[in-house]
C-alpha atoms as a PDB file:
ATOM      1  CA  HIS A   1      87.468  97.707 111.620  1.00  0.00           C
ATOM      2  CA  PHE A   2      85.575  94.264 110.691  1.00  0.00           C
ATOM      3  CA  PHE A   3      88.180  92.242 112.243  1.00  0.00           C
ATOM      4  CA  ASP A   4      87.571  94.173 115.275  1.00  0.00           C
ATOM      5  CA  VAL A   5      83.744  93.852 114.857  1.00  0.00           C
ATOM      6  CA  ILE A   6      83.890  90.436 114.076  1.00  0.00           C
ATOM      7  CA  THR A   7      86.012  89.815 116.923  1.00  0.00           C
ATOM      8  CA  ASN A   8      84.266  91.802 119.323  1.00  0.00           C
ATOM      9  CA  GLY A   9      81.186  92.627 118.126  1.00  0.00           C
ATOM     10  CA  GLN A  10      79.351  96.039 118.433  1.00  0.00           C
ATOM     11  CA  ARG A  11      76.206  97.476 119.260  1.00  0.00           C
ATOM     12  CA  THR A  12      73.855  94.458 119.255  1.00  0.00           C
ATOM     13  CA  MET A  13      75.708  92.214 117.142  1.00  0.00           C
ATOM     14  CA  PRO A  14      77.640  89.635 119.877  1.00  0.00           C
ATOM     15  CA  PRO A  15      81.082  89.212 119.196  1.00  0.00           C
ATOM     16  CA  TYR A  16      81.800  86.078 117.413  1.00  0.00           C
ATOM     17  CA  ALA A  17      85.653  85.527 118.728  1.00  0.00           C
ATOM     18  CA  SER A  18      84.949  82.164 120.163  1.00  0.00           C
ATOM     19  CA  GLN A  19      82.989  81.011 117.415  1.00  0.00           C
ATOM     20  CA  VAL A  20      84.741  81.657 114.039  1.00  0.00           C
ATOM     21  CA  ALA A  21      88.754  80.813 113.457  1.00  0.00           C
ATOM     22  CA  VAL A  22      90.556  83.788 112.926  1.00  0.00           C
ATOM     23  CA  ARG A  23      92.028  82.554 109.482  1.00  0.00           C
ATOM     24  CA  ASP A  24      87.817  82.313 108.747  1.00  0.00           C
ATOM     25  CA  ARG A  25      87.179  86.207 110.015  1.00  0.00           C
ATOM     26  CA  TRP A  26      89.766  87.201 107.847  1.00  0.00           C
ATOM     27  CA  ALA A  27      88.662  85.063 104.967  1.00  0.00           C
ATOM     28  CA  ILE A  28      85.035  87.017 105.696  1.00  0.00           C
ATOM     29  CA  ILE A  29      86.770  90.013 105.965  1.00  0.00           C
ATOM     30  CA  ALA A  30      88.533  89.315 102.214  1.00  0.00           C
ATOM     31  CA  TYR A  31      85.185  88.511 101.045  1.00  0.00           C
ATOM     32  CA  ILE A  32      83.359  91.299 102.054  1.00  0.00           C
ATOM     33  CA  ARG A  33      85.553  93.271 100.116  1.00  0.00           C
ATOM     34  CA  ALA A  34      85.343  91.193  96.619  1.00  0.00           C
ATOM     35  CA  LEU A  35      81.407  92.222  96.774  1.00  0.00           C
ATOM     36  CA  GLN A  36      82.141  96.118  97.796  1.00  0.00           C
ATOM     37  CA  LEU A  37      84.761  95.932  94.956  1.00  0.00           C
ATOM     38  CA  SER A  38      82.025  93.687  92.407  1.00  0.00           C
ATOM     39  CA  GLN A  39      79.538  96.508  92.651  1.00  0.00           C
ATOM     40  CA  ASN A  40      81.331  98.899  90.297  1.00  0.00           C
ATOM     41  CA  ALA A  41      83.096  96.413  88.263  1.00  0.00           C
ATOM     42  CA  ARG A  42      82.213  96.066  84.956  1.00  0.00           C
ATOM     43  CA  ILE A  43      82.965  93.364  82.498  1.00  0.00           C
ATOM     44  CA  GLU A  44      86.500  95.302  81.198  1.00  0.00           C
ATOM     45  CA  ASP A  45      87.980  94.467  84.595  1.00  0.00           C
ATOM     46  CA  VAL A  46      88.212  90.621  84.784  1.00  0.00           C
ATOM     47  CA  PRO A  47      90.672  89.539  82.334  1.00  0.00           C
ATOM     48  CA  ALA A  48      90.201  88.204  79.322  1.00  0.00           C
ATOM     49  CA  GLU A  49      91.035  84.691  80.387  1.00  0.00           C
ATOM     50  CA  GLU A  50      88.099  84.561  83.566  1.00  0.00           C
ATOM     51  CA  ARG A  51      85.742  86.065  80.857  1.00  0.00           C
ATOM     52  CA  ASN A  52      84.895  83.000  79.631  1.00  0.00           C
ATOM     53  CA  ARG A  53      84.468  80.994  82.736  1.00  0.00           C
ATOM     54  CA  LEU A  54      81.136  84.347  83.866  1.00  0.00           C
ATOM     55  CA  GLY A  55      79.258  82.541  80.555  1.00  0.00           C
ATOM     56  CA  GLU A  56      76.742  85.500  78.665  1.00  0.00           C
ATOM     57  CA  PRO A  57      75.871  89.131  80.495  1.00  0.00           C
ATOM     58  CA  PRO A  58      72.012  89.036  81.492  1.00  0.00           C
ATOM     59  CA  LYS A  59      70.551  90.577  78.636  1.00  0.00           C
END
């Protein structure tokens, strides 16, 4: 769905097929999906070796 919308547009969003390369469209979709997953993520979901890179959680 995202790929089609980015490529062909939808309602008031214009098509971006000529401005955004296919590879970049898929990268945008991967970013959107990562954002969706992160909304309900817990710190325990992050592998231990990656937690150090995150820094201290907000208090």
